[in-house]
């Protein structure tokens, strides 16, 4: 099977073949909610890290009993619904964090209503200064000790350093993949790229790195995407379903860059190595490309978007904002104003997590492309 096909298959299922094989060996799996949770600590414990997502979820009936659909985003409710229905039964633990108030509320329900052997809440600072780094380093130490106690393992500094090395290789390989999209005829589409990155969040990284190396070899002889109308960048709330990206590309454009937590923000900056692996993780994770939750770095959300838009020569930026997403809702005004001042066309699309309202989205994107088209 071609590497791209294999990675696409791995990204689709809640419990993919990699997860099933790992579980069949009697090894533990720990789910986590946000890209600010350092997977390296879980990996160093001999546990498979699994980024919680709900791709394919079509209802939130069970979750709506606990979380109001008028106040809580559909991503959070979809994840909680699958949990209440037992779809994450392969997990041996869950790591939650204060990524947003919606996740906080889902954490409360999950902890009280779902029987799971291990549960840990990670308090992640909303700032990135030295005091925040010290705080987060202490939180990571507590996290490490809780994993050691719950799973009867010892996480050494050497194991952490080895895990950081493996994950830095993943980051380097994915940056090379993104580099293939800078040219006039990218050899991989935006929707395909999203599948590749999503697969990274539920596959043992040593295996994943081998697949990416194969993929890069295959793409080296693949013909590029021809005759596209516009080069676009997609930013915003959780996007883990490539169908949203494919809808845009089916209108004749190609998505060459993103500012997404299931995209570039997941891997863009490597973890610096040092004498204290936990401090290195705390510093690097807090200072990676920022999410709107980072109160003291909100301007960097704009500069990162602008710089990537310039680097990948995009003609326009589309924000896909999940309804009720407070963080990205709050960032919209800043991005719209600053990107407008830079002369970068900007479109905001409100959507639900599950595929819906495709006709309306299609119409709005088509109109946007007419405005910025390079025909």
Protein backbone atom coordinates (compact mmCIF):
# COMPACT_ATOMS: atom_id res chain seq x y z
CA UNK A 1 0.00 0.00 0.00
CA UNK A 2 1.26 3.48 -0.85
CA UNK A 3 2.29 5.55 2.17
CA UNK A 4 -0.29 8.28 1.51
CA UNK A 5 -3.10 5.72 1.30
CA UNK A 6 -1.93 4.06 4.52
CA UNK A 7 -1.71 7.39 6.37
CA UNK A 8 -5.14 8.40 5.10
CA UNK A 9 -6.65 5.16 6.42
CA UNK A 10 -4.98 5.71 9.80
CA UNK A 11 -6.42 9.21 10.11
CA UNK A 12 -10.04 8.21 9.49
CA UNK A 13 -10.97 5.78 12.24
CA UNK A 14 -11.42 6.55 15.93
CA UNK A 15 -9.72 3.22 16.68
CA UNK A 16 -7.37 2.67 13.75
CA UNK A 17 -5.24 -0.39 13.03
CA UNK A 18 -2.23 1.08 14.82
CA UNK A 19 -4.28 1.58 17.98
CA UNK A 20 -5.76 -1.92 17.72
CA UNK A 21 -2.35 -3.56 17.27
CA UNK A 22 -0.93 -1.66 20.22
CA UNK A 23 -3.89 -2.63 22.39
CA UNK A 24 -3.62 -6.28 21.32
CA UNK A 25 -0.10 -6.33 22.77
CA UNK A 26 -1.53 -5.37 26.15
CA UNK A 27 0.09 -1.94 26.10
CA UNK A 28 -1.68 1.12 27.54
CA UNK A 29 -3.09 4.07 25.58
CA UNK A 30 -3.67 7.51 27.06
CA UNK A 31 -5.85 10.08 25.32
CA UNK A 32 -5.25 13.81 25.48
CA UNK A 33 -7.20 16.84 24.31
CA UNK A 34 -4.86 19.56 23.17
CA UNK A 35 -1.59 20.12 21.34
CA UNK A 36 -0.20 21.87 24.44
CA UNK A 37 0.01 18.46 26.20
CA UNK A 38 3.57 17.12 25.70
CA UNK A 39 3.19 13.70 24.12
CA UNK A 40 6.85 12.99 24.83
CA UNK A 41 6.12 12.35 28.52
CA UNK A 42 3.45 9.77 27.66
CA UNK A 43 5.70 8.21 25.01
CA UNK A 44 8.64 7.98 27.44
CA UNK A 45 6.43 5.94 29.78
CA UNK A 46 5.95 3.29 27.08
CA UNK A 47 2.37 4.44 26.55
CA UNK A 48 0.77 5.33 23.21
CA UNK A 49 -0.41 8.99 23.17
CA UNK A 50 -3.77 9.43 21.42
CA UNK A 51 -5.17 12.84 20.48
CA UNK A 52 -8.90 12.75 21.17
CA UNK A 53 -11.05 13.62 18.17
CA UNK A 54 -14.55 12.73 17.00
CA UNK A 55 -14.29 12.51 13.24
CA UNK A 56 -17.35 10.76 11.86
CA UNK A 57 -19.58 11.68 14.81
CA UNK A 58 -23.04 12.52 13.48
CA UNK A 59 -24.97 13.30 16.68
CA UNK A 60 -24.47 14.75 20.14
CA UNK A 61 -27.65 13.52 21.80
CA UNK A 62 -25.97 12.04 24.89
CA UNK A 63 -23.57 14.96 25.32
CA UNK A 64 -26.34 17.53 24.97
CA UNK A 65 -27.78 16.20 28.23
CA UNK A 66 -24.79 17.67 30.03
CA UNK A 67 -23.50 20.44 27.74
CA UNK A 68 -25.83 23.01 26.22
CA UNK A 69 -25.70 23.15 22.43
CA UNK A 70 -26.34 26.90 22.69
CA UNK A 71 -23.19 27.50 24.73
CA UNK A 72 -20.71 24.70 24.00
CA UNK A 73 -18.96 24.00 20.70
CA UNK A 74 -19.89 20.94 18.68
CA UNK A 75 -16.32 19.56 18.76
CA UNK A 76 -16.41 19.28 22.56
CA UNK A 77 -19.91 17.80 22.53
CA UNK A 78 -18.99 15.32 19.78
CA UNK A 79 -15.99 14.04 21.75
CA UNK A 80 -18.06 13.75 24.92
CA UNK A 81 -20.85 11.97 23.05
CA UNK A 82 -18.47 9.31 21.73
CA UNK A 83 -17.04 8.89 25.22
CA UNK A 84 -20.50 8.43 26.76
CA UNK A 85 -21.32 5.88 24.03
CA UNK A 86 -18.14 3.90 24.83
CA UNK A 87 -16.31 4.63 21.57
CA UNK A 88 -13.08 5.43 23.44
CA UNK A 89 -13.19 2.17 25.35
CA UNK A 90 -9.64 1.37 24.23
CA UNK A 91 -8.25 4.24 26.32
CA UNK A 92 -6.58 3.45 29.64
CA UNK A 93 -6.50 7.09 30.65
CA UNK A 94 -7.29 10.65 29.68
CA UNK A 95 -5.28 13.84 30.10
CA UNK A 96 -7.39 16.97 30.02
CA UNK A 97 -6.37 20.62 30.36
CA UNK A 98 -7.70 24.15 30.56
CA UNK A 99 -7.52 24.73 26.82
CA UNK A 100 -10.94 26.43 26.91
CA UNK A 101 -14.02 26.49 29.12
CA UNK A 102 -15.81 24.02 26.85
CA UNK A 103 -13.09 21.39 27.37
CA UNK A 104 -13.13 22.16 31.09
CA UNK A 105 -16.83 21.35 31.26
CA UNK A 106 -16.37 18.17 29.22
CA UNK A 107 -13.61 17.19 31.65
CA UNK A 108 -16.02 17.49 34.59
CA UNK A 109 -18.61 15.26 32.93
CA UNK A 110 -16.07 12.72 31.64
CA UNK A 111 -14.47 12.34 35.07
CA UNK A 112 -17.78 11.76 36.85
CA UNK A 113 -19.79 9.80 34.31
CA UNK A 114 -17.27 7.58 32.51
CA UNK A 115 -15.33 4.82 34.21
CA UNK A 116 -11.67 5.10 33.21
CA UNK A 117 -8.60 3.89 35.13
CA UNK A 118 -6.52 7.06 34.90
CA UNK A 119 -7.48 10.71 34.71
CA UNK A 120 -5.20 13.73 34.99
CA UNK A 121 -5.87 17.44 34.63
CA UNK A 122 -2.94 19.50 33.37
CA UNK A 123 -2.98 23.18 34.27
CA UNK A 124 -1.39 25.02 31.33
CA UNK A 125 -0.50 28.71 31.82
CA UNK A 126 -2.09 31.33 29.61
CA UNK A 127 1.22 33.19 29.50
CA UNK A 128 4.67 32.33 28.18
CA UNK A 129 7.12 34.33 30.33
CA UNK A 130 9.75 32.77 32.60
CA UNK A 131 7.34 32.51 35.54
CA UNK A 132 4.92 30.61 33.31
CA UNK A 133 7.69 28.28 32.14
CA UNK A 134 8.61 27.51 35.76
CA UNK A 135 4.95 26.94 36.61
CA UNK A 136 4.43 24.62 33.66
CA UNK A 137 7.62 22.71 34.41
CA UNK A 138 6.20 21.94 37.88
CA UNK A 139 2.88 20.88 36.33
CA UNK A 140 4.73 18.54 33.96
CA UNK A 141 6.61 17.06 36.89
CA UNK A 142 3.27 16.31 38.59
CA UNK A 143 2.01 14.80 35.35
CA UNK A 144 5.11 12.61 35.05
CA UNK A 145 4.75 11.39 38.65
CA UNK A 146 1.06 10.61 38.14
CA UNK A 147 1.84 8.48 35.07
CA UNK A 148 4.58 6.65 36.94
CA UNK A 149 2.23 5.90 39.84
CA UNK A 150 -0.78 4.90 37.73
CA UNK A 151 1.08 2.68 35.27
CA UNK A 152 3.88 1.44 37.55
CA UNK A 153 6.68 2.78 35.37
CA UNK A 154 9.75 4.97 35.80
CA UNK A 155 10.23 7.83 33.36
CA UNK A 156 13.93 8.66 33.33
CA UNK A 157 15.55 11.78 31.92
CA UNK A 158 17.23 9.52 29.35
CA UNK A 159 13.85 8.16 28.24
CA UNK A 160 12.49 11.71 27.95
CA UNK A 161 15.51 12.77 25.90
CA UNK A 162 15.03 9.78 23.58
CA UNK A 163 11.34 10.62 23.14
CA UNK A 164 12.13 14.25 22.39
CA UNK A 165 14.57 13.06 19.72
CA UNK A 166 11.91 10.85 18.10
CA UNK A 167 9.32 13.63 18.14
CA UNK A 168 11.78 16.18 16.78
CA UNK A 169 12.36 13.83 13.86
CA UNK A 170 8.59 13.81 13.27
CA UNK A 171 8.56 17.60 13.32
CA UNK A 172 11.46 17.79 10.89
CA UNK A 173 9.83 15.34 8.47
CA UNK A 174 6.50 17.16 8.55
CA UNK A 175 8.21 20.49 7.89
CA UNK A 176 9.82 18.89 4.85
CA UNK A 177 6.35 17.77 3.74
CA UNK A 178 5.00 21.30 4.12
CA UNK A 179 8.01 22.57 2.18
CA UNK A 180 6.74 20.68 -0.87
CA UNK A 181 3.75 23.04 -0.89
CA UNK A 182 5.77 26.23 -1.37
CA UNK A 183 6.29 25.69 -5.09
CA UNK A 184 3.99 26.71 -7.93
CA UNK A 185 2.68 23.14 -8.33
CA UNK A 186 2.52 21.48 -4.88
CA UNK A 187 2.95 17.71 -5.01
CA UNK A 188 0.41 17.18 -2.23
CA UNK A 189 -2.93 18.88 -1.65
CA UNK A 190 -4.10 20.55 1.52
CA UNK A 191 -6.72 17.88 2.21
CA UNK A 192 -4.15 15.10 1.79
CA UNK A 193 -1.74 16.93 4.07
CA UNK A 194 -4.34 17.23 6.81
CA UNK A 195 -4.91 13.46 6.68
CA UNK A 196 -1.16 12.93 7.05
CA UNK A 197 -0.88 15.20 10.11
CA UNK A 198 -4.03 13.84 11.78
CA UNK A 199 -2.59 10.32 11.45
CA UNK A 200 0.41 11.46 13.52
CA UNK A 201 -1.81 11.92 16.57
CA UNK A 202 -2.75 8.25 16.94
CA UNK A 203 0.22 6.27 15.64
CA UNK A 204 3.43 5.22 17.39
CA UNK A 205 5.90 7.88 16.28
CA UNK A 206 8.66 5.45 15.33
CA UNK A 207 6.26 3.79 12.88
CA UNK A 208 4.87 7.11 11.73
CA UNK A 209 8.32 8.50 10.92
CA UNK A 210 8.98 5.52 8.67
CA UNK A 211 5.71 6.16 6.83
CA UNK A 212 6.54 9.86 6.32
CA UNK A 213 9.95 8.97 4.90
CA UNK A 214 8.24 6.65 2.42
CA UNK A 215 5.71 9.37 1.60
CA UNK A 216 8.42 11.93 0.88
CA UNK A 217 10.08 9.48 -1.51
CA UNK A 218 6.77 8.84 -3.30
CA UNK A 219 6.02 12.55 -3.58
CA UNK A 220 9.45 13.27 -5.07
CA UNK A 221 8.25 11.73 -8.35
CA UNK A 222 4.59 12.76 -8.15
CA UNK A 223 3.22 15.41 -10.49
CA UNK A 224 2.15 18.65 -8.85
CA UNK A 225 -1.33 20.14 -8.61
CA UNK A 226 -1.82 22.01 -11.93
CA UNK A 227 -3.85 25.05 -12.93
CA UNK A 228 -5.20 26.09 -9.54
CA UNK A 229 -7.05 29.41 -9.31
CA UNK A 230 -5.69 30.52 -5.95
CA UNK A 231 -3.28 29.54 -3.19
CA UNK A 232 -5.04 29.58 0.16
CA UNK A 233 -4.31 29.29 3.86
CA UNK A 234 -6.82 27.86 6.35
CA UNK A 235 -6.81 28.85 10.02
CA UNK A 236 -9.15 28.61 12.98
CA UNK A 237 -10.88 26.14 15.27
CA UNK A 238 -10.36 22.38 15.25
CA UNK A 239 -10.26 20.96 11.73
CA UNK A 240 -9.46 17.25 11.66
CA UNK A 241 -11.71 16.26 8.75
CA UNK A 242 -10.10 16.89 5.33
CA UNK A 243 -13.56 17.13 3.76
CA UNK A 244 -13.66 20.80 4.76
CA UNK A 245 -10.35 21.42 2.99
CA UNK A 246 -11.36 19.32 -0.02
CA UNK A 247 -14.52 21.38 -0.45
CA UNK A 248 -12.32 24.46 -0.91
CA UNK A 249 -9.91 22.69 -3.25
CA UNK A 250 -12.69 21.21 -5.36
CA UNK A 251 -13.55 24.78 -6.34
CA UNK A 252 -10.24 25.02 -8.15
CA UNK A 253 -7.85 26.26 -5.47
CA UNK A 254 -5.13 24.57 -3.44
CA UNK A 255 -4.61 24.99 0.28
CA UNK A 256 -0.85 25.38 0.72
CA UNK A 257 -0.61 26.46 4.38
CA UNK A 258 -2.52 26.47 7.65
CA UNK A 259 -2.60 27.73 11.21
CA UNK A 260 -4.41 24.78 12.80
CA UNK A 261 -3.83 22.72 15.94
CA UNK A 262 -4.18 19.56 13.82
CA UNK A 263 -1.85 21.21 11.33
CA UNK A 264 1.29 23.32 11.51
CA UNK A 265 0.88 24.37 15.16
CA UNK A 266 1.16 20.72 16.15
CA UNK A 267 4.74 20.32 14.97
CA UNK A 268 6.21 23.58 13.64
CA UNK A 269 8.84 24.24 16.33
CA UNK A 270 11.21 21.55 17.66
CA UNK A 271 11.76 20.99 21.38
CA UNK A 272 15.12 22.33 22.46
CA UNK A 273 17.18 19.78 24.36
CA UNK A 274 18.84 20.64 27.64
CA UNK A 275 19.95 19.28 31.00
CA UNK A 276 16.34 19.31 32.29
CA UNK A 277 14.00 17.65 29.76
CA UNK A 278 10.87 18.81 31.60
CA UNK A 279 11.99 22.44 31.47
CA UNK A 280 12.82 22.03 27.78
CA UNK A 281 9.33 20.64 27.14
CA UNK A 282 7.66 23.38 29.19
CA UNK A 283 9.54 26.14 27.40
CA UNK A 284 9.10 24.77 23.88
CA UNK A 285 5.43 23.87 24.22
CA UNK A 286 4.49 27.24 25.69
CA UNK A 287 6.41 29.12 23.00
CA UNK A 288 5.25 27.18 19.97
CA UNK A 289 3.02 28.91 17.39
CA UNK A 290 0.32 30.33 19.59
CA UNK A 291 -3.34 29.52 20.05
CA UNK A 292 -5.80 32.33 20.96
CA UNK A 293 -5.82 30.95 24.53
CA UNK A 294 -2.35 32.46 25.16
CA UNK A 295 -3.39 35.84 26.50
CA UNK A 296 0.00 37.57 26.44
CA UNK A 297 0.92 36.37 22.94
CA UNK A 298 -2.24 37.08 20.97
CA UNK A 299 -0.43 39.42 18.56
CA UNK A 300 1.89 36.53 17.65
CA UNK A 301 -1.18 34.68 16.37
CA UNK A 302 -1.40 37.38 13.73
CA UNK A 303 2.34 37.52 12.98
CA UNK A 304 2.58 33.75 12.61
CA UNK A 305 -0.39 33.76 10.22
CA UNK A 306 1.00 36.70 8.24
CA UNK A 307 4.52 35.26 8.02
CA UNK A 308 3.28 31.87 6.86
CA UNK A 309 0.96 33.52 4.34
CA UNK A 310 3.95 35.38 2.92
CA UNK A 311 6.27 32.36 3.01
CA UNK A 312 3.78 30.16 1.13
CA UNK A 313 2.67 32.99 -1.17
CA UNK A 314 -1.03 32.69 -0.40
CA UNK A 315 -3.69 34.74 -2.17
CA UNK A 316 -6.15 34.65 0.70
CA UNK A 317 -6.83 33.32 4.20
CA UNK A 318 -9.97 31.44 5.24
CA UNK A 319 -10.87 31.13 8.92
CA UNK A 320 -13.07 28.14 9.72
CA UNK A 321 -14.59 29.01 13.10
CA UNK A 322 -16.72 26.47 14.94
CA UNK A 323 -19.87 28.06 16.33
CA UNK A 324 -19.56 28.96 20.03
CA UNK A 325 -15.75 28.92 19.85
CA UNK A 326 -14.99 31.81 22.20
CA UNK A 327 -11.23 31.82 21.61
CA UNK A 328 -11.28 32.07 17.84
CA UNK A 329 -14.30 34.33 17.99
CA UNK A 330 -12.28 36.74 20.09
CA UNK A 331 -9.29 36.56 17.72
CA UNK A 332 -11.36 37.32 14.61
CA UNK A 333 -11.34 41.11 14.94
CA UNK A 334 -7.57 41.28 15.40
CA UNK A 335 -6.86 39.01 12.43
CA UNK A 336 -9.41 40.65 10.16
CA UNK A 337 -8.05 44.13 10.87
CA UNK A 338 -4.33 43.31 10.75
CA UNK A 339 -4.47 41.08 7.68
CA UNK A 340 -6.64 43.67 5.97
CA UNK A 341 -3.97 46.29 6.63
CA UNK A 342 -1.46 43.92 5.00
CA UNK A 343 -3.68 43.57 1.95
CA UNK A 344 -4.34 39.85 2.57
CA UNK A 345 -7.95 38.87 1.69
CA UNK A 346 -9.69 37.24 4.67
CA UNK A 347 -12.90 35.20 4.87
CA UNK A 348 -14.60 33.96 8.06
CA UNK A 349 -16.80 30.86 7.83
CA UNK A 350 -18.86 29.77 10.83
CA UNK A 351 -19.47 26.03 10.81
CA UNK A 352 -20.18 23.03 12.98
CA UNK A 353 -17.62 20.36 13.78
CA UNK A 354 -19.48 17.66 11.86
CA UNK A 355 -19.94 18.12 8.13
CA UNK A 356 -23.02 20.27 7.61
CA UNK A 357 -24.12 23.37 5.72
CA UNK A 358 -21.90 22.47 2.80
CA UNK A 359 -24.00 24.35 0.26
CA UNK A 360 -23.69 27.63 2.11
CA UNK A 361 -19.96 27.17 2.67
CA UNK A 362 -19.50 26.31 -1.00
CA UNK A 363 -21.27 29.48 -2.07
CA UNK A 364 -19.26 31.74 0.24
CA UNK A 365 -15.91 30.22 -0.73
CA UNK A 366 -16.78 30.43 -4.43
CA UNK A 367 -17.57 34.13 -4.06
CA UNK A 368 -14.32 34.68 -2.17
CA UNK A 369 -12.36 32.96 -4.93
CA UNK A 370 -14.01 35.16 -7.54
CA UNK A 371 -12.71 38.19 -5.68
CA UNK A 372 -9.13 36.97 -5.28
CA UNK A 373 -8.87 34.69 -8.35
CA UNK A 374 -5.70 34.77 -10.42
CA UNK A 375 -7.39 33.80 -13.71
